[in-house]
PDB file of N, CA and C in Angstrom:
ATOM      1  N   MET A   1       0.847  -1.171   0.000  1.00  0.00           N
ATOM      2  CA  MET A   1       0.000   0.000   0.000  1.00  0.00           C
ATOM      3  C   MET A   1       0.897   1.241   0.000  1.00  0.00           C
ATOM      4  N   ARG A   2       0.544   2.237  -0.799  1.00  0.00           N
ATOM      5  CA  ARG A   2       1.289   3.502  -0.842  1.00  0.00           C
ATOM      6  C   ARG A   2       0.708   4.443   0.207  1.00  0.00           C
ATOM      7  N   ILE A   3       1.577   5.011   1.050  1.00  0.00           N
ATOM      8  CA  ILE A   3       1.124   5.815   2.184  1.00  0.00           C
ATOM      9  C   ILE A   3       1.901   7.121   2.246  1.00  0.00           C
ATOM     10  N   VAL A   4       1.185   8.204   2.573  1.00  0.00           N
ATOM     11  CA  VAL A   4       1.818   9.467   2.954  1.00  0.00           C
ATOM     12  C   VAL A   4       1.615   9.573   4.457  1.00  0.00           C
ATOM     13  N   PHE A   5       2.710   9.593   5.211  1.00  0.00           N
ATOM     14  CA  PHE A   5       2.654   9.585   6.674  1.00  0.00           C
ATOM     15  C   PHE A   5       2.741  11.011   7.192  1.00  0.00           C
ATOM     16  N   MET A   6       1.888  11.338   8.165  1.00  0.00           N
ATOM     17  CA  MET A   6       1.914  12.658   8.796  1.00  0.00           C
ATOM     18  C   MET A   6       2.046  12.476  10.293  1.00  0.00           C
ATOM     19  N   GLY A   7       3.078  13.080  10.863  1.00  0.00           N
ATOM     20  CA  GLY A   7       3.291  12.995  12.298  1.00  0.00           C
ATOM     21  C   GLY A   7       4.472  13.841  12.712  1.00  0.00           C
ATOM     22  N   THR A   8       4.526  14.194  13.990  1.00  0.00           N
ATOM     23  CA  THR A   8       5.621  15.008  14.505  1.00  0.00           C
ATOM     24  C   THR A   8       6.175  14.473  15.823  1.00  0.00           C
ATOM     25  N   PRO A   9       5.337  14.180  16.833  1.00  0.00           N
ATOM     26  CA  PRO A   9       5.879  13.818  18.146  1.00  0.00           C
ATOM     27  C   PRO A   9       6.526  12.435  18.180  1.00  0.00           C
ATOM     28  N   ASP A  10       7.238  12.184  19.266  1.00  0.00           N
ATOM     29  CA  ASP A  10       8.000  10.935  19.383  1.00  0.00           C
ATOM     30  C   ASP A  10       7.116   9.693  19.405  1.00  0.00           C
ATOM     31  N   PHE A  11       5.856   9.801  19.845  1.00  0.00           N
ATOM     32  CA  PHE A  11       5.010   8.603  19.868  1.00  0.00           C
ATOM     33  C   PHE A  11       4.553   8.198  18.468  1.00  0.00           C
ATOM     34  N   SER A  12       4.834   9.018  17.457  1.00  0.00           N
ATOM     35  CA  SER A  12       4.517   8.659  16.068  1.00  0.00           C
ATOM     36  C   SER A  12       5.603   7.807  15.426  1.00  0.00           C
ATOM     37  N   VAL A  13       6.799   7.815  15.996  1.00  0.00           N
ATOM     38  CA  VAL A  13       7.928   7.085  15.414  1.00  0.00           C
ATOM     39  C   VAL A  13       7.666   5.577  15.350  1.00  0.00           C
ATOM     40  N   PRO A  14       7.167   4.925  16.417  1.00  0.00           N
ATOM     41  CA  PRO A  14       6.898   3.482  16.315  1.00  0.00           C
ATOM     42  C   PRO A  14       5.858   3.137  15.245  1.00  0.00           C
ATOM     43  N   VAL A  15       4.909   4.028  15.011  1.00  0.00           N
ATOM     44  CA  VAL A  15       3.905   3.792  13.972  1.00  0.00           C
ATOM     45  C   VAL A  15       4.575   3.811  12.600  1.00  0.00           C
ATOM     46  N   LEU A  16       5.445   4.793  12.372  1.00  0.00           N
ATOM     47  CA  LEU A  16       6.177   4.876  11.106  1.00  0.00           C
ATOM     48  C   LEU A  16       7.043   3.638  10.910  1.00  0.00           C
ATOM     49  N   GLU A  17       7.740   3.226  11.959  1.00  0.00           N
ATOM     50  CA  GLU A  17       8.583   2.023  11.875  1.00  0.00           C
ATOM     51  C   GLU A  17       7.750   0.788  11.552  1.00  0.00           C
ATOM     52  N   ALA A  18       6.578   0.660  12.181  1.00  0.00           N
ATOM     53  CA  ALA A  18       5.715  -0.502  11.947  1.00  0.00           C
ATOM     54  C   ALA A  18       5.227  -0.543  10.502  1.00  0.00           C
ATOM     55  N   LEU A  19       4.898   0.611   9.947  1.00  0.00           N
ATOM     56  CA  LEU A  19       4.453   0.653   8.552  1.00  0.00           C
ATOM     57  C   LEU A  19       5.572   0.239   7.603  1.00  0.00           C
ATOM     58  N   VAL A  20       6.780   0.711   7.871  1.00  0.00           N
ATOM     59  CA  VAL A  20       7.926   0.341   7.031  1.00  0.00           C
ATOM     60  C   VAL A  20       8.213  -1.148   7.168  1.00  0.00           C
ATOM     61  N   ASP A  21       8.205  -1.652   8.404  1.00  0.00           N
ATOM     62  CA  ASP A  21       8.483  -3.074   8.646  1.00  0.00           C
ATOM     63  C   ASP A  21       7.429  -3.985   8.016  1.00  0.00           C
ATOM     64  N   ALA A  22       6.199  -3.491   7.904  1.00  0.00           N
ATOM     65  CA  ALA A  22       5.119  -4.283   7.310  1.00  0.00           C
ATOM     66  C   ALA A  22       5.200  -4.308   5.785  1.00  0.00           C
ATOM     67  N   GLY A  23       6.141  -3.562   5.226  1.00  0.00           N
ATOM     68  CA  GLY A  23       6.340  -3.595   3.788  1.00  0.00           C
ATOM     69  C   GLY A  23       5.550  -2.566   2.996  1.00  0.00           C
ATOM     70  N   HIS A  24       4.931  -1.622   3.688  1.00  0.00           N
ATOM     71  CA  HIS A  24       4.190  -0.576   2.986  1.00  0.00           C
ATOM     72  C   HIS A  24       5.161   0.410   2.347  1.00  0.00           C
ATOM     73  N   GLU A  25       4.747   0.981   1.219  1.00  0.00           N
ATOM     74  CA  GLU A  25       5.572   1.970   0.526  1.00  0.00           C
ATOM     75  C   GLU A  25       5.225   3.356   1.068  1.00  0.00           C
ATOM     76  N   ILE A  26       6.151   3.962   1.794  1.00  0.00           N
ATOM     77  CA  ILE A  26       5.949   5.307   2.322  1.00  0.00           C
ATOM     78  C   ILE A  26       6.407   6.280   1.238  1.00  0.00           C
ATOM     79  N   VAL A  27       5.451   6.964   0.626  1.00  0.00           N
ATOM     80  CA  VAL A  27       5.741   7.861  -0.489  1.00  0.00           C
ATOM     81  C   VAL A  27       6.400   9.140   0.012  1.00  0.00           C
ATOM     82  N   ALA A  28       5.906   9.675   1.132  1.00  0.00           N
ATOM     83  CA  ALA A  28       6.450  10.905   1.707  1.00  0.00           C
ATOM     84  C   ALA A  28       6.066  10.978   3.175  1.00  0.00           C
ATOM     85  N   VAL A  29       6.800  11.797   3.911  1.00  0.00           N
ATOM     86  CA  VAL A  29       6.518  12.030   5.328  1.00  0.00           C
ATOM     87  C   VAL A  29       6.364  13.533   5.538  1.00  0.00           C
ATOM     88  N   TYR A  30       5.231  13.935   6.114  1.00  0.00           N
ATOM     89  CA  TYR A  30       5.000  15.330   6.473  1.00  0.00           C
ATOM     90  C   TYR A  30       5.224  15.474   7.966  1.00  0.00           C
ATOM     91  N   SER A  31       5.951  16.524   8.350  1.00  0.00           N
ATOM     92  CA  SER A  31       6.207  16.795   9.755  1.00  0.00           C
ATOM     93  C   SER A  31       6.362  18.299   9.924  1.00  0.00           C
ATOM     94  N   GLN A  32       6.196  18.783  11.150  1.00  0.00           N
ATOM     95  CA  GLN A  32       6.397  20.207  11.389  1.00  0.00           C
ATOM     96  C   GLN A  32       7.858  20.565  11.146  1.00  0.00           C
ATOM     97  N   PRO A  33       8.131  21.809  10.766  1.00  0.00           N
ATOM     98  CA  PRO A  33       9.516  22.213  10.505  1.00  0.00           C
ATOM     99  C   PRO A  33      10.351  22.204  11.786  1.00  0.00           C
ATOM    100  N   PRO A  34      11.674  22.128  11.647  1.00  0.00           N
ATOM    101  CA  PRO A  34      12.546  22.157  12.829  1.00  0.00           C
ATOM    102  C   PRO A  34      12.296  23.410  13.669  1.00  0.00           C
ATOM    103  N   ARG A  35      12.390  23.238  14.983  1.00  0.00           N
ATOM    104  CA  ARG A  35      12.144  24.339  15.921  1.00  0.00           C
ATOM    105  C   ARG A  35      13.405  24.624  16.731  1.00  0.00           C
ATOM    106  N   PRO A  36      13.605  25.883  17.129  1.00  0.00           N
ATOM    107  CA  PRO A  36      14.747  26.195  17.993  1.00  0.00           C
ATOM    108  C   PRO A  36      14.569  25.518  19.358  1.00  0.00           C
ATOM    109  N   ALA A  37      15.628  24.897  19.835  1.00  0.00           N
ATOM    110  CA  ALA A  37      15.554  24.210  21.129  1.00  0.00           C
ATOM    111  C   ALA A  37      16.925  24.211  21.787  1.00  0.00           C
ATOM    112  N   GLY A  38      16.936  24.024  23.079  1.00  0.00           N
ATOM    113  CA  GLY A  38      18.187  23.941  23.823  1.00  0.00           C
ATOM    114  C   GLY A  38      18.753  25.312  24.147  1.00  0.00           C
ATOM    115  N   ARG A  39      19.902  25.299  24.788  1.00  0.00           N
ATOM    116  CA  ARG A  39      20.512  26.553  25.232  1.00  0.00           C
ATOM    117  C   ARG A  39      20.980  27.413  24.069  1.00  0.00           C
ATOM    118  N   GLY A  40      21.434  26.789  23.012  1.00  0.00           N
ATOM    119  CA  GLY A  40      21.911  27.542  21.863  1.00  0.00           C
ATOM    120  C   GLY A  40      20.807  27.924  20.898  1.00  0.00           C
ATOM    121  N   LYS A  41      19.582  27.476  21.196  1.00  0.00           N
ATOM    122  CA  LYS A  41      18.427  27.736  20.334  1.00  0.00           C
ATOM    123  C   LYS A  41      18.691  27.329  18.887  1.00  0.00           C
ATOM    124  N   LYS A  42      19.369  26.196  18.716  1.00  0.00           N
ATOM    125  CA  LYS A  42      19.608  25.673  17.378  1.00  0.00           C
ATOM    126  C   LYS A  42      18.381  24.895  16.925  1.00  0.00           C
ATOM    127  N   ASP A  43      18.129  24.943  15.628  1.00  0.00           N
ATOM    128  CA  ASP A  43      16.988  24.207  15.081  1.00  0.00           C
ATOM    129  C   ASP A  43      17.183  22.710  15.274  1.00  0.00           C
ATOM    130  N   ARG A  44      16.148  22.063  15.794  1.00  0.00           N
ATOM    131  CA  ARG A  44      16.157  20.610  15.961  1.00  0.00           C
ATOM    132  C   ARG A  44      14.975  20.027  15.208  1.00  0.00           C
ATOM    133  N   PRO A  45      15.237  19.014  14.399  1.00  0.00           N
ATOM    134  CA  PRO A  45      14.126  18.380  13.675  1.00  0.00           C
ATOM    135  C   PRO A  45      13.252  17.572  14.630  1.00  0.00           C
ATOM    136  N   SER A  46      12.019  17.327  14.208  1.00  0.00           N
ATOM    137  CA  SER A  46      11.112  16.512  15.013  1.00  0.00           C
ATOM    138  C   SER A  46      11.603  15.066  15.024  1.00  0.00           C
ATOM    139  N   PRO A  47      11.160  14.276  16.011  1.00  0.00           N
ATOM    140  CA  PRO A  47      11.549  12.864  16.041  1.00  0.00           C
ATOM    141  C   PRO A  47      11.152  12.113  14.771  1.00  0.00           C
ATOM    142  N   VAL A  48       9.991  12.430  14.217  1.00  0.00           N
ATOM    143  CA  VAL A  48       9.546  11.756  12.992  1.00  0.00           C
ATOM    144  C   VAL A  48      10.446  12.135  11.822  1.00  0.00           C
ATOM    145  N   GLN A  49      10.809  13.400  11.718  1.00  0.00           N
ATOM    146  CA  GLN A  49      11.691  13.824  10.633  1.00  0.00           C
ATOM    147  C   GLN A  49      13.042  13.124  10.733  1.00  0.00           C
ATOM    148  N   SER A  50      13.590  13.038  11.933  1.00  0.00           N
ATOM    149  CA  SER A  50      14.881  12.370  12.120  1.00  0.00           C
ATOM    150  C   SER A  50      14.814  10.904  11.707  1.00  0.00           C
ATOM    151  N   LYS A  51      13.754  10.209  12.121  1.00  0.00           N
ATOM    152  CA  LYS A  51      13.613   8.791  11.788  1.00  0.00           C
ATOM    153  C   LYS A  51      13.392   8.596  10.296  1.00  0.00           C
ATOM    154  N   ALA A  52      12.568   9.444   9.694  1.00  0.00           N
ATOM    155  CA  ALA A  52      12.300   9.328   8.260  1.00  0.00           C
ATOM    156  C   ALA A  52      13.580   9.530   7.455  1.00  0.00           C
ATOM    157  N   GLU A  53      14.386  10.504   7.842  1.00  0.00           N
ATOM    158  CA  GLU A  53      15.651  10.729   7.142  1.00  0.00           C
ATOM    159  C   GLU A  53      16.589   9.542   7.329  1.00  0.00           C
ATOM    160  N   ALA A  54      16.584   8.951   8.525  1.00  0.00           N
ATOM    161  CA  ALA A  54      17.426   7.776   8.777  1.00  0.00           C
ATOM    162  C   ALA A  54      16.984   6.584   7.919  1.00  0.00           C
ATOM    163  N   LEU A  55      15.687   6.514   7.623  1.00  0.00           N
ATOM    164  CA  LEU A  55      15.150   5.430   6.793  1.00  0.00           C
ATOM    165  C   LEU A  55      15.255   5.744   5.298  1.00  0.00           C
ATOM    166  N   GLY A  56      15.727   6.940   4.973  1.00  0.00           N
ATOM    167  CA  GLY A  56      15.869   7.321   3.573  1.00  0.00           C
ATOM    168  C   GLY A  56      14.566   7.728   2.906  1.00  0.00           C
ATOM    169  N   LEU A  57      13.604   8.185   3.702  1.00  0.00           N
ATOM    170  CA  LEU A  57      12.310   8.596   3.162  1.00  0.00           C
ATOM    171  C   LEU A  57      12.307  10.091   2.846  1.00  0.00           C
ATOM    172  N   MET A  58      11.483  10.492   1.884  1.00  0.00           N
ATOM    173  CA  MET A  58      11.372  11.899   1.520  1.00  0.00           C
ATOM    174  C   MET A  58      10.558  12.630   2.583  1.00  0.00           C
ATOM    175  N   VAL A  59      11.117  13.705   3.138  1.00  0.00           N
ATOM    176  CA  VAL A  59      10.443  14.498   4.166  1.00  0.00           C
ATOM    177  C   VAL A  59      10.021  15.826   3.550  1.00  0.00           C
ATOM    178  N   LEU A  60       8.754  16.155   3.744  1.00  0.00           N
ATOM    179  CA  LEU A  60       8.226  17.421   3.220  1.00  0.00           C
ATOM    180  C   LEU A  60       7.886  18.351   4.348  1.00  0.00           C
TER     181      LEU A  60
END
Protein backbone atom coordinates (compact mmCIF):
# COMPACT_ATOMS: atom_id res chain seq x y z
CA MET A 1 0.00 0.00 0.00
CA ARG A 2 1.29 3.50 -0.84
CA ILE A 3 1.12 5.82 2.18
CA VAL A 4 1.82 9.47 2.95
CA PHE A 5 2.65 9.59 6.67
CA MET A 6 1.91 12.66 8.80
CA GLY A 7 3.29 12.99 12.30
CA THR A 8 5.62 15.01 14.50
CA PRO A 9 5.88 13.82 18.15
CA ASP A 10 8.00 10.94 19.38
CA PHE A 11 5.01 8.60 19.87
CA SER A 12 4.52 8.66 16.07
CA VAL A 13 7.93 7.09 15.41
CA PRO A 14 6.90 3.48 16.32
CA VAL A 15 3.91 3.79 13.97
CA LEU A 16 6.18 4.88 11.11
CA GLU A 17 8.58 2.02 11.87
CA ALA A 18 5.71 -0.50 11.95
CA LEU A 19 4.45 0.65 8.55
CA VAL A 20 7.93 0.34 7.03
CA ASP A 21 8.48 -3.07 8.65
CA ALA A 22 5.12 -4.28 7.31
CA GLY A 23 6.34 -3.60 3.79
CA HIS A 24 4.19 -0.58 2.99
CA GLU A 25 5.57 1.97 0.53
CA ILE A 26 5.95 5.31 2.32
CA VAL A 27 5.74 7.86 -0.49
CA ALA A 28 6.45 10.91 1.71
CA VAL A 29 6.52 12.03 5.33
CA TYR A 30 5.00 15.33 6.47
CA SER A 31 6.21 16.79 9.75
CA GLN A 32 6.40 20.21 11.39
CA PRO A 33 9.52 22.21 10.51
CA PRO A 34 12.55 22.16 12.83
CA ARG A 35 12.14 24.34 15.92
CA PRO A 36 14.75 26.20 17.99
CA ALA A 37 15.55 24.21 21.13
CA GLY A 38 18.19 23.94 23.82
CA ARG A 39 20.51 26.55 25.23
CA GLY A 40 21.91 27.54 21.86
CA LYS A 41 18.43 27.74 20.33
CA LYS A 42 19.61 25.67 17.38
CA ASP A 43 16.99 24.21 15.08
CA ARG A 44 16.16 20.61 15.96
CA PRO A 45 14.13 18.38 13.67
CA SER A 46 11.11 16.51 15.01
CA PRO A 47 11.55 12.86 16.04
CA VAL A 48 9.55 11.76 12.99
CA GLN A 49 11.69 13.82 10.63
CA SER A 50 14.88 12.37 12.12
CA LYS A 51 13.61 8.79 11.79
CA ALA A 52 12.30 9.33 8.26
CA GLU A 53 15.65 10.73 7.14
CA ALA A 54 17.43 7.78 8.78
CA LEU A 55 15.15 5.43 6.79
CA GLY A 56 15.87 7.32 3.57
CA LEU A 57 12.31 8.60 3.16
CA MET A 58 11.37 11.90 1.52
CA VAL A 59 10.44 14.50 4.17
CA LEU A 60 8.23 17.42 3.22
